[in-house]
Every structure is written in structure tokens, then in C-alpha cells.
C-alpha atoms as a PDB file:
ATOM      1  CA  MET A   1      -0.006   0.004  -0.016  1.00  0.00           C
ATOM      2  CA  THR A   2       1.333   3.407  -0.885  1.00  0.00           C
ATOM      3  CA  ARG A   3       1.578   6.149   1.629  1.00  0.00           C
ATOM      4  CA  LEU A   4      -1.018   8.129  -0.450  1.00  0.00           C
ATOM      5  CA  GLN A   5      -3.458   5.228  -0.007  1.00  0.00           C
ATOM      6  CA  ARG A   6      -2.905   5.175   3.793  1.00  0.00           C
ATOM      7  CA  LEU A   7      -3.290   8.940   4.102  1.00  0.00           C
ATOM      8  CA  VAL A   8      -6.473   9.021   1.957  1.00  0.00           C
ATOM      9  CA  HIS A   9      -7.927   6.197   4.117  1.00  0.00           C
ATOM     10  CA  ALA A  10      -6.964   8.040   7.304  1.00  0.00           C
ATOM     11  CA  ASN A  11      -8.651  11.264   5.979  1.00  0.00           C
ATOM     12  CA  GLY A  12     -11.985   9.432   5.828  1.00  0.00           C
ATOM     13  CA  GLY A  13     -13.059  10.858   2.478  1.00  0.00           C
ATOM     14  CA  ARG A  14     -11.664  14.341   2.913  1.00  0.00           C
ATOM     15  CA  PRO A  15      -9.051  15.405   0.354  1.00  0.00           C
ATOM     16  CA  VAL A  16      -5.408  15.666   1.282  1.00  0.00           C
ATOM     17  CA  LEU A  17      -4.562  19.324   1.100  1.00  0.00           C
ATOM     18  CA  GLY A  18      -1.130  20.238  -0.219  1.00  0.00           C
ATOM     19  CA  ALA A  19       1.166  23.112  -1.115  1.00  0.00           C
ATOM     20  CA  ALA A  20       3.747  23.371  -3.883  1.00  0.00           C
ATOM     21  CA  VAL A  21       7.409  24.383  -3.501  1.00  0.00           C
ATOM     22  CA  TYR A  22       8.894  26.402  -6.338  1.00  0.00           C
ATOM     23  CA  PHE A  23      12.198  27.509  -4.787  1.00  0.00           C
ATOM     24  CA  ASN A  24      14.714  25.705  -2.592  1.00  0.00           C
ATOM     25  CA  ASP A  25      13.848  26.995   0.854  1.00  0.00           C
ATOM     26  CA  PRO A  26      12.747  24.665   3.697  1.00  0.00           C
ATOM     27  CA  ILE A  27      11.161  27.468   5.656  1.00  0.00           C
ATOM     28  CA  PHE A  28       7.974  27.321   3.612  1.00  0.00           C
ATOM     29  CA  LEU A  29       7.744  23.616   4.153  1.00  0.00           C
ATOM     30  CA  GLU A  30       8.018  24.095   7.909  1.00  0.00           C
ATOM     31  CA  ILE A  31       5.298  26.734   7.877  1.00  0.00           C
ATOM     32  CA  ALA A  32       3.077  24.635   5.628  1.00  0.00           C
ATOM     33  CA  ALA A  33       3.363  21.626   7.949  1.00  0.00           C
ATOM     34  CA  ARG A  34       2.750  23.723  11.063  1.00  0.00           C
ATOM     35  CA  VAL A  35      -0.358  25.385   9.715  1.00  0.00           C
ATOM     36  CA  GLY A  36      -1.851  22.010   8.741  1.00  0.00           C
ATOM     37  CA  TYR A  37      -1.000  21.087   5.139  1.00  0.00           C
ATOM     38  CA  GLN A  38      -0.554  17.363   4.619  1.00  0.00           C
ATOM     39  CA  ALA A  39       1.373  17.192   1.332  1.00  0.00           C
ATOM     40  CA  ALA A  40       4.194  18.976  -0.510  1.00  0.00           C
ATOM     41  CA  TRP A  41       4.756  19.176  -4.216  1.00  0.00           C
ATOM     42  CA  ILE A  42       8.379  19.714  -5.224  1.00  0.00           C
ATOM     43  CA  GLU A  43       8.204  21.405  -8.638  1.00  0.00           C
ATOM     44  CA  MET A  44      10.887  20.504 -11.214  1.00  0.00           C
ATOM     45  CA  GLU A  45       9.072  20.986 -14.508  1.00  0.00           C
ATOM     46  CA  HIS A  46       8.913  24.796 -14.338  1.00  0.00           C
ATOM     47  CA  ALA A  47      10.908  25.806 -11.234  1.00  0.00           C
ATOM     48  CA  PRO A  48      14.747  25.900 -11.156  1.00  0.00           C
ATOM     49  CA  ILE A  49      15.081  23.117  -8.528  1.00  0.00           C
ATOM     50  CA  SER A  50      17.915  20.637  -9.033  1.00  0.00           C
ATOM     51  CA  PHE A  51      17.726  16.953  -8.153  1.00  0.00           C
ATOM     52  CA  GLY A  52      20.170  17.545  -5.301  1.00  0.00           C
ATOM     53  CA  GLU A  53      17.898  20.323  -3.950  1.00  0.00           C
ATOM     54  CA  ALA A  54      14.880  18.035  -4.512  1.00  0.00           C
ATOM     55  CA  ALA A  55      16.509  15.375  -2.339  1.00  0.00           C
ATOM     56  CA  ASP A  56      17.041  17.894   0.438  1.00  0.00           C
ATOM     57  CA  LEU A  57      13.470  19.138   0.177  1.00  0.00           C
ATOM     58  CA  CYS A  58      12.297  15.558   0.461  1.00  0.00           C
ATOM     59  CA  ARG A  59      14.336  15.126   3.648  1.00  0.00           C
ATOM     60  CA  VAL A  60      12.742  18.215   5.179  1.00  0.00           C
ATOM     61  CA  SER A  61       9.257  17.474   3.937  1.00  0.00           C
ATOM     62  CA  GLN A  62       9.138  13.869   5.021  1.00  0.00           C
ATOM     63  CA  GLY A  63      10.805  14.771   8.357  1.00  0.00           C
ATOM     64  CA  LEU A  64       7.785  17.076   8.908  1.00  0.00           C
ATOM     65  CA  GLY A  65       5.361  14.274   8.121  1.00  0.00           C
ATOM     66  CA  LEU A  66       4.261  15.648   4.789  1.00  0.00           C
ATOM     67  CA  LEU A  67       3.319  13.391   1.917  1.00  0.00           C
ATOM     68  CA  THR A  68       5.965  14.339  -0.682  1.00  0.00           C
ATOM     69  CA  MET A  69       5.521  14.497  -4.463  1.00  0.00           C
ATOM     70  CA  ILE A  70       8.183  15.330  -7.052  1.00  0.00           C
ATOM     71  CA  ARG A  71       6.954  16.513 -10.420  1.00  0.00           C
ATOM     72  CA  VAL A  72       9.778  15.651 -12.773  1.00  0.00           C
ATOM     73  CA  PRO A  73      10.600  17.883 -15.741  1.00  0.00           C
ATOM     74  CA  ASP A  74       9.787  15.177 -18.324  1.00  0.00           C
ATOM     75  CA  SER A  75       9.333  11.444 -18.778  1.00  0.00           C
ATOM     76  CA  ARG A  76      12.891  10.578 -19.687  1.00  0.00           C
ATOM     77  CA  ARG A  77      14.529   7.696 -17.825  1.00  0.00           C
ATOM     78  CA  GLU A  78      17.148   9.943 -16.287  1.00  0.00           C
ATOM     79  CA  SER A  79      14.541  12.305 -14.892  1.00  0.00           C
ATOM     80  CA  VAL A  80      12.373   9.511 -13.396  1.00  0.00           C
ATOM     81  CA  LEU A  81      15.251   7.558 -11.944  1.00  0.00           C
ATOM     82  CA  LYS A  82      16.961  10.525 -10.301  1.00  0.00           C
ATOM     83  CA  ALA A  83      13.711  11.622  -8.768  1.00  0.00           C
ATOM     84  CA  ALA A  84      13.030   8.091  -7.532  1.00  0.00           C
ATOM     85  CA  GLU A  85      16.431   7.919  -5.846  1.00  0.00           C
ATOM     86  CA  CYS A  86      15.511  11.107  -3.895  1.00  0.00           C
ATOM     87  CA  GLY A  87      12.942   8.926  -2.008  1.00  0.00           C
ATOM     88  CA  PRO A  88       9.615  10.765  -2.565  1.00  0.00           C
ATOM     89  CA  ASP A  89       6.206   9.305  -1.857  1.00  0.00           C
ATOM     90  CA  ILE A  90       4.931  10.192  -5.333  1.00  0.00           C
ATOM     91  CA  ILE A  91       6.487  10.769  -8.709  1.00  0.00           C
ATOM     92  CA  ASP A  92       4.389  12.841 -11.111  1.00  0.00           C
ATOM     93  CA  VAL A  93       5.086  12.992 -14.852  1.00  0.00           C
ATOM     94  CA  PRO A  94       3.661  15.963 -16.832  1.00  0.00           C
ATOM     95  CA  MET A  95       2.048  15.887 -20.233  1.00  0.00           C
ATOM     96  CA  ALA A  96       1.153  12.242 -20.495  1.00  0.00           C
ATOM     97  CA  ASN A  97      -0.774  12.074 -23.733  1.00  0.00           C
ATOM     98  CA  THR A  98      -0.357   8.389 -24.660  1.00  0.00           C
ATOM     99  CA  PRO A  99      -0.246   5.032 -22.797  1.00  0.00           C
ATOM    100  CA  ASP A 100       3.366   4.492 -23.698  1.00  0.00           C
ATOM    101  CA  VAL A 101       4.325   7.312 -21.317  1.00  0.00           C
ATOM    102  CA  LEU A 102       2.696   5.427 -18.470  1.00  0.00           C
ATOM    103  CA  GLU A 103       4.279   2.138 -19.463  1.00  0.00           C
ATOM    104  CA  ASP A 104       7.677   3.785 -19.589  1.00  0.00           C
ATOM    105  CA  LEU A 105       7.110   5.324 -16.147  1.00  0.00           C
ATOM    106  CA  LEU A 106       6.274   1.915 -14.720  1.00  0.00           C
ATOM    107  CA  ALA A 107       9.427   0.393 -16.282  1.00  0.00           C
ATOM    108  CA  GLN A 108      11.697   3.158 -15.045  1.00  0.00           C
ATOM    109  CA  ALA A 109      10.303   3.535 -11.509  1.00  0.00           C
ATOM    110  CA  ARG A 110       9.542  -0.074 -10.509  1.00  0.00           C
ATOM    111  CA  PHE A 111      12.147  -2.690  -9.610  1.00  0.00           C
ATOM    112  CA  ALA A 112      11.983  -6.147 -11.140  1.00  0.00           C
ATOM    113  CA  PRO A 113       9.746  -8.078 -11.497  1.00  0.00           C
ATOM    114  CA  LEU A 114       7.357  -5.118 -11.957  1.00  0.00           C
ATOM    115  CA  GLY A 115       9.748  -2.994 -13.975  1.00  0.00           C
ATOM    116  CA  ALA A 116      13.328  -2.468 -15.008  1.00  0.00           C
ATOM    117  CA  ARG A 117      14.547   0.191 -12.529  1.00  0.00           C
ATOM    118  CA  GLY A 118      18.287   0.244 -12.182  1.00  0.00           C
ATOM    119  CA  CYS A 119      19.820  -0.510  -8.832  1.00  0.00           C
ATOM    120  CA  PHE A 120      21.645   2.189  -6.922  1.00  0.00           C
ATOM    121  CA  SER A 121      21.909   0.509  -3.493  1.00  0.00           C
ATOM    122  CA  VAL A 122      23.193   3.614  -1.610  1.00  0.00           C
ATOM    123  CA  SER A 123      20.443   6.006  -2.629  1.00  0.00           C
ATOM    124  CA  ARG A 124      18.263   7.849  -0.147  1.00  0.00           C
ATOM    125  CA  ALA A 125      15.294   5.784  -1.256  1.00  0.00           C
ATOM    126  CA  LEU A 126      17.172   2.602  -0.167  1.00  0.00           C
ATOM    127  CA  HIS A 127      18.333   4.301   3.086  1.00  0.00           C
ATOM    128  CA  TYR A 128      21.936   4.539   1.780  1.00  0.00           C
ATOM    129  CA  GLY A 129      22.260   0.759   1.818  1.00  0.00           C
ATOM    130  CA  LEU A 130      21.405   0.484   5.547  1.00  0.00           C
ATOM    131  CA  VAL A 131      18.804  -2.268   4.903  1.00  0.00           C
ATOM    132  CA  ASP A 132      18.814  -5.888   6.097  1.00  0.00           C
ATOM    133  CA  ASN A 133      17.760  -7.225   2.716  1.00  0.00           C
ATOM    134  CA  LEU A 134      18.185  -5.292  -0.496  1.00  0.00           C
ATOM    135  CA  SER A 135      15.620  -7.291  -2.454  1.00  0.00           C
ATOM    136  CA  GLU A 136      13.000  -6.837   0.218  1.00  0.00           C
ATOM    137  CA  ALA A 137      13.770  -3.090   0.387  1.00  0.00           C
ATOM    138  CA  GLN A 138      13.283  -2.822  -3.396  1.00  0.00           C
ATOM    139  CA  GLN A 139       9.931  -4.576  -3.183  1.00  0.00           C
ATOM    140  CA  ARG A 140       8.891  -2.269  -0.392  1.00  0.00           C
ATOM    141  CA  ILE A 141       9.542   0.652  -2.691  1.00  0.00           C
ATOM    142  CA  ASN A 142       7.508  -1.105  -5.400  1.00  0.00           C
ATOM    143  CA  ASP A 143       4.619  -1.288  -2.889  1.00  0.00           C
ATOM    144  CA  GLU A 144       4.920   2.198  -1.370  1.00  0.00           C
ATOM    145  CA  LEU A 145       5.952   4.565  -4.208  1.00  0.00           C
ATOM    146  CA  CYS A 146       2.958   6.121  -5.900  1.00  0.00           C
ATOM    147  CA  LEU A 147       3.240   6.920  -9.649  1.00  0.00           C
ATOM    148  CA  MET A 148       1.146   9.631 -11.252  1.00  0.00           C
ATOM    149  CA  VAL A 149       0.813  11.169 -14.665  1.00  0.00           C
ATOM    150  CA  GLN A 150      -0.806  14.443 -15.686  1.00  0.00           C
ATOM    151  CA  ILE A 151      -3.794  14.610 -17.964  1.00  0.00           C
ATOM    152  CA  GLU A 152      -3.617  18.219 -19.154  1.00  0.00           C
ATOM    153  CA  THR A 153      -4.235  18.330 -22.876  1.00  0.00           C
ATOM    154  CA  ARG A 154      -7.203  17.769 -25.161  1.00  0.00           C
ATOM    155  CA  GLU A 155      -5.495  14.675 -26.558  1.00  0.00           C
ATOM    156  CA  ALA A 156      -5.020  13.180 -23.090  1.00  0.00           C
ATOM    157  CA  ALA A 157      -8.546  14.056 -22.006  1.00  0.00           C
ATOM    158  CA  ASP A 158      -9.982  12.415 -25.097  1.00  0.00           C
ATOM    159  CA  ARG A 159      -7.928   9.260 -24.228  1.00  0.00           C
ATOM    160  CA  ALA A 160      -8.733   9.347 -20.488  1.00  0.00           C
ATOM    161  CA  GLU A 161     -10.351   5.918 -20.496  1.00  0.00           C
ATOM    162  CA  GLU A 162      -7.358   4.401 -22.231  1.00  0.00           C
ATOM    163  CA  LEU A 163      -4.882   6.120 -19.928  1.00  0.00           C
ATOM    164  CA  CYS A 164      -6.732   5.267 -16.765  1.00  0.00           C
ATOM    165  CA  ALA A 165      -6.808   1.641 -17.856  1.00  0.00           C
ATOM    166  CA  VAL A 166      -3.057   1.306 -17.399  1.00  0.00           C
ATOM    167  CA  GLU A 167      -2.597  -0.488 -14.053  1.00  0.00           C
ATOM    168  CA  GLY A 168      -0.341   0.992 -11.391  1.00  0.00           C
ATOM    169  CA  VAL A 169      -0.488   4.684 -12.318  1.00  0.00           C
ATOM    170  CA  ASP A 170      -2.687   7.287 -10.700  1.00  0.00           C
ATOM    171  CA  ILE A 171      -3.942  10.528 -12.300  1.00  0.00           C
ATOM    172  CA  PHE A 172      -3.201  14.202 -11.793  1.00  0.00           C
ATOM    173  CA  ILE A 173      -5.500  16.647 -13.700  1.00  0.00           C
ATOM    174  CA  GLY A 174      -3.704  19.824 -14.737  1.00  0.00           C
ATOM    175  CA  PRO A 175      -6.528  22.382 -15.245  1.00  0.00           C
ATOM    176  CA  ALA A 176      -4.326  25.333 -16.386  1.00  0.00           C
ATOM    177  CA  ASP A 177      -2.696  23.561 -19.331  1.00  0.00           C
ATOM    178  CA  LEU A 178      -5.937  21.715 -20.081  1.00  0.00           C
ATOM    179  CA  ALA A 179      -7.647  25.115 -20.358  1.00  0.00           C
ATOM    180  CA  ALA A 180      -5.109  26.285 -22.871  1.00  0.00           C
ATOM    181  CA  SER A 181      -5.393  23.029 -24.866  1.00  0.00           C
ATOM    182  CA  LEU A 182      -9.162  23.395 -24.941  1.00  0.00           C
ATOM    183  CA  GLY A 183      -8.925  26.887 -26.306  1.00  0.00           C
ATOM    184  CA  VAL A 184      -9.715  28.809 -23.104  1.00  0.00           C
ATOM    185  CA  PRO A 185      -6.222  29.787 -21.840  1.00  0.00           C
ATOM    186  CA  GLY A 186      -6.103  31.379 -18.416  1.00  0.00           C
ATOM    187  CA  GLU A 187      -9.575  29.968 -17.474  1.00  0.00           C
ATOM    188  CA  PRO A 188      -9.046  26.812 -15.471  1.00  0.00           C
ATOM    189  CA  GLY A 189     -12.587  27.092 -14.124  1.00  0.00           C
ATOM    190  CA  HIS A 190     -14.221  27.324 -17.533  1.00  0.00           C
ATOM    191  CA  PRO A 191     -17.141  24.991 -18.149  1.00  0.00           C
ATOM    192  CA  LEU A 192     -15.208  23.235 -20.908  1.00  0.00           C
ATOM    193  CA  VAL A 193     -12.390  22.451 -18.417  1.00  0.00           C
ATOM    194  CA  ARG A 194     -14.887  21.315 -15.770  1.00  0.00           C
ATOM    195  CA  ARG A 195     -16.687  19.036 -18.186  1.00  0.00           C
ATOM    196  CA  ALA A 196     -13.407  17.472 -19.243  1.00  0.00           C
ATOM    197  CA  ALA A 197     -12.288  17.113 -15.633  1.00  0.00           C
ATOM    198  CA  THR A 198     -15.537  15.477 -14.665  1.00  0.00           C
ATOM    199  CA  THR A 199     -15.097  12.909 -17.450  1.00  0.00           C
ATOM    200  CA  ILE A 200     -11.511  12.244 -16.420  1.00  0.00           C
ATOM    201  CA  VAL A 201     -12.433  11.775 -12.733  1.00  0.00           C
ATOM    202  CA  ALA A 202     -15.205   9.289 -13.755  1.00  0.00           C
ATOM    203  CA  ALA A 203     -12.767   7.299 -15.868  1.00  0.00           C
ATOM    204  CA  ALA A 204     -10.202   7.302 -13.085  1.00  0.00           C
ATOM    205  CA  ARG A 205     -12.760   6.044 -10.605  1.00  0.00           C
ATOM    206  CA  ARG A 206     -13.939   3.240 -12.966  1.00  0.00           C
ATOM    207  CA  HIS A 207     -10.313   1.991 -12.921  1.00  0.00           C
ATOM    208  CA  GLY A 208      -9.715   2.459  -9.190  1.00  0.00           C
ATOM    209  CA  LYS A 209      -7.357   5.367  -9.527  1.00  0.00           C
ATOM    210  CA  HIS A 210      -6.508   8.104  -7.057  1.00  0.00           C
ATOM    211  CA  VAL A 211      -6.961  11.615  -8.502  1.00  0.00           C
ATOM    212  CA  ALA A 212      -5.020  14.775  -7.727  1.00  0.00           C
ATOM    213  CA  SER A 213      -5.291  18.388  -8.952  1.00  0.00           C
ATOM    214  CA  ALA A 214      -4.253  21.917  -8.193  1.00  0.00           C
ATOM    215  CA  SER A 215      -6.335  25.079  -8.161  1.00  0.00           C
ATOM    216  CA  GLY A 216      -6.958  28.539  -6.811  1.00  0.00           C
ATOM    217  CA  PRO A 217      -9.702  29.380  -4.276  1.00  0.00           C
ATOM    218  CA  ALA A 218     -12.334  30.033  -7.024  1.00  0.00           C
ATOM    219  CA  ASP A 219     -12.297  26.359  -7.963  1.00  0.00           C
ATOM    220  CA  PHE A 220     -11.808  24.649  -4.633  1.00  0.00           C
ATOM    221  CA  GLY A 221     -15.463  23.822  -4.339  1.00  0.00           C
ATOM    222  CA  PHE A 222     -15.559  22.163  -7.749  1.00  0.00           C
ATOM    223  CA  TRP A 223     -12.633  19.883  -7.018  1.00  0.00           C
ATOM    224  CA  VAL A 224     -13.885  18.992  -3.547  1.00  0.00           C
ATOM    225  CA  ASP A 225     -17.278  18.111  -5.054  1.00  0.00           C
ATOM    226  CA  GLN A 226     -15.461  15.923  -7.553  1.00  0.00           C
ATOM    227  CA  GLY A 227     -14.229  13.896  -4.597  1.00  0.00           C
ATOM    228  CA  ILE A 228     -10.524  14.136  -5.613  1.00  0.00           C
ATOM    229  CA  ASP A 229      -7.936  12.644  -3.259  1.00  0.00           C
ATOM    230  CA  ILE A 230      -5.249  15.422  -3.257  1.00  0.00           C
ATOM    231  CA  LEU A 231      -5.831  19.110  -3.787  1.00  0.00           C
ATOM    232  CA  PHE A 232      -2.820  21.371  -4.025  1.00  0.00           C
ATOM    233  CA  CYS A 233      -4.212  24.770  -3.067  1.00  0.00           C
ATOM    234  CA  THR A 234      -1.204  27.137  -2.818  1.00  0.00           C
ATOM    235  CA  ASN A 235       2.485  27.442  -3.392  1.00  0.00           C
ATOM    236  CA  ASP A 236       5.385  29.301  -1.760  1.00  0.00           C
ATOM    237  CA  ILE A 237       5.308  32.151  -4.269  1.00  0.00           C
ATOM    238  CA  VAL A 238       1.587  32.734  -4.038  1.00  0.00           C
ATOM    239  CA  ALA A 239       1.734  32.535  -0.210  1.00  0.00           C
ATOM    240  CA  LEU A 240       4.534  35.042  -0.160  1.00  0.00           C
ATOM    241  CA  ARG A 241       2.884  37.342  -2.643  1.00  0.00           C
ATOM    242  CA  THR A 242      -0.566  37.296  -1.046  1.00  0.00           C
ATOM    243  CA  GLY A 243       0.918  37.865   2.404  1.00  0.00           C
ATOM    244  CA  ALA A 244       2.941  40.880   1.128  1.00  0.00           C
ATOM    245  CA  GLU A 245      -0.074  42.267  -0.675  1.00  0.00           C
ATOM    246  CA  LEU A 246      -2.371  41.881   2.349  1.00  0.00           C
ATOM    247  CA  ALA A 247       0.092  43.591   4.721  1.00  0.00           C
ATOM    248  CA  LEU A 248       0.663  46.522   2.269  1.00  0.00           C
ATOM    249  CA  ARG A 249      -3.088  46.918   1.637  1.00  0.00           C
ATOM    250  CA  GLU A 250      -3.874  47.039   5.315  1.00  0.00           C
ATOM    251  CA  ALA A 251      -1.007  49.475   5.995  1.00  0.00           C
ATOM    252  CA  ARG A 252      -2.231  51.744   3.193  1.00  0.00           C
ATOM    253  CA  ASP A 253      -5.758  51.570   4.572  1.00  0.00           C
ATOM    254  CA  ALA A 254      -4.419  52.561   8.011  1.00  0.00           C
ATOM    255  CA  VAL A 255      -2.597  55.579   6.439  1.00  0.00           C
ATOM    256  CA  THR A 256      -5.781  56.606   4.583  1.00  0.00           C
ATOM    257  CA  ARG A 257      -7.888  56.368   7.737  1.00  0.00           C
ATOM    258  CA  SER A 258      -5.364  58.330   9.745  1.00  0.00           C
ATOM    259  CA  ARG A 259      -5.228  61.143   7.210  1.00  0.00           C
ATOM    260  CA  ALA A 260      -9.007  61.303   6.951  1.00  0.00           C
ATOM    261  CA  GLU A 261      -9.320  61.495  10.751  1.00  0.00           C
ATOM    262  CA  SER A 262      -6.659  64.216  10.862  1.00  0.00           C
ATOM    263  CA  ALA A 263      -8.462  66.227   8.198  1.00  0.00           C
ATOM    264  CA  SER A 264     -11.712  65.848   9.975  1.00  0.00           C
ATOM    265  CA  GLU A 265     -10.238  66.994  13.255  1.00  0.00           C
ATOM    266  CA  HIS A 266      -8.558  69.960  11.609  1.00  0.00           C
ATOM    267  CA  GLY A 267     -11.869  71.011  10.032  1.00  0.00           C
ATOM    268  CA  ARG A 268     -13.569  71.120  13.462  1.00  0.00           C
ATOM    269  CA  ARG A 269     -11.037  73.557  14.837  1.00  0.00           C
END
């Protein structure tokens, strides 16, 4: 059983709420864990995070008890294997449009007999070789590591049933890129996106898949109503930006009120 499965079961039907990390700073992870987030997404597709930094972020995240996902930059063997050696709970591959991407992921991330993952016996995933039995440790990883792919294009959405039929891979719906592919860029809450997402979720459930997604507050209700298992609802940059904007807005409001009160007082003299 994967750690995701255990956490979903423990949540009793409530989605696991997560936050994404776009720069290499453990402070945000510590804050996220303390305020109650349950999962961390280490972003390597768009953000300038190296594999060495991803391994360090995994150490911090898992030490804080967070379910830890690495989104790799692409589906190449090198990307998947290096991410796997970091020891995350989930590996997520973007832009999975065809079943062969899922089959390749299974081959690259699973040890024999389930796949053809190369052996690096001193990796973090294998506790630096500090295991009693290497073969048993490899099979434990086969059991516990969750593999995900992203459905985020029209092509992938149209093939959702086929993609979800591949055993051993869960589904992440990417609404922002899906919106662009469906001709409504910048509108992840558009009815076209929601209809496609509903179809994808239904296909995933028919095949016993877990489903993850990411969104802003305007779409939280939709994804919760879909019954998804993981919802990533912020990231370090958004949290920093919104906190800075809120403080500045409240300070400016205080200045405006103070000036208005001073002007009123002056007028009464």
C-alpha cells in the first residue's frame, strides 16, 4: 500500500490538502506543515530546482510528516530515476498524452519483476544501503511509491479511459494547461475544463485510480465536489505574494484612515 493510500484512508473521504514548493527554501515547508497542510509538491518541470535540492526538500518534507511528491521535468529515464532515488512518496510525470508514457514510467520507476529500474543501492530511497535485505527493500519501494501522470491536454482528455486503464499509475489533472489546450487559456474554471475534468475523474474512478489536482480558491469547491484525493491549493510564491499584498493593503488603509481622521479633526477647529 502506498503512503498516499494510507493517508487517503486516514482522511476518511476528505481530500489531502497540499502546497507546492517552487524554490529551494525549507522554511515554507516548515510553515506549511505547522499550519496544517498534509502534502508537499516539489516542482521540477517549471521551477529551477535541481535533483540535489529536491532530495534535500524531500528530507525536510518527510521529516515534517508531509506526503511528498516530485513533479519531474519530463518522462525521460534519467529524470524519473533521479527523482526516484530522492525517495519521494509520489513521482508525477507531466504531459502524459499516450499510454506508452505510463508504461515507460512503470518500467523506469519499478524494480523487477514489476519494472526495470536500475539498482543504486546507496540511494536515499534505499536508506543509503542500511537495509537488512536489498531485495526486500526494493519490493517495499515497489509497494509504497505512488506513480502519477498528468492529464492536461485535449488529446489526453480524449484518451482518458485508455490512460486510466493502465494499471499501477494514478492521475493528476492539470487544469491550467488543459484550459489552454481546450482553447480557453487562463480560465481553469471554464465549463469546458470542468466538463473534461468530470469525465476524467469518472474514468479514473472506474479503474480504481486516485486523483489529484491543483487550483486557486475560486475552484476549490468544484474539485472537492469531484471527490478528488489530493488538492494542491497554494505554493510558496503565491503565499509570499498574497501575504505581502495583504500587509501592504492594510497598512495603506491605515494611512488613509489616519489622514481622513486628521483632516476631519482639523476641520472642526
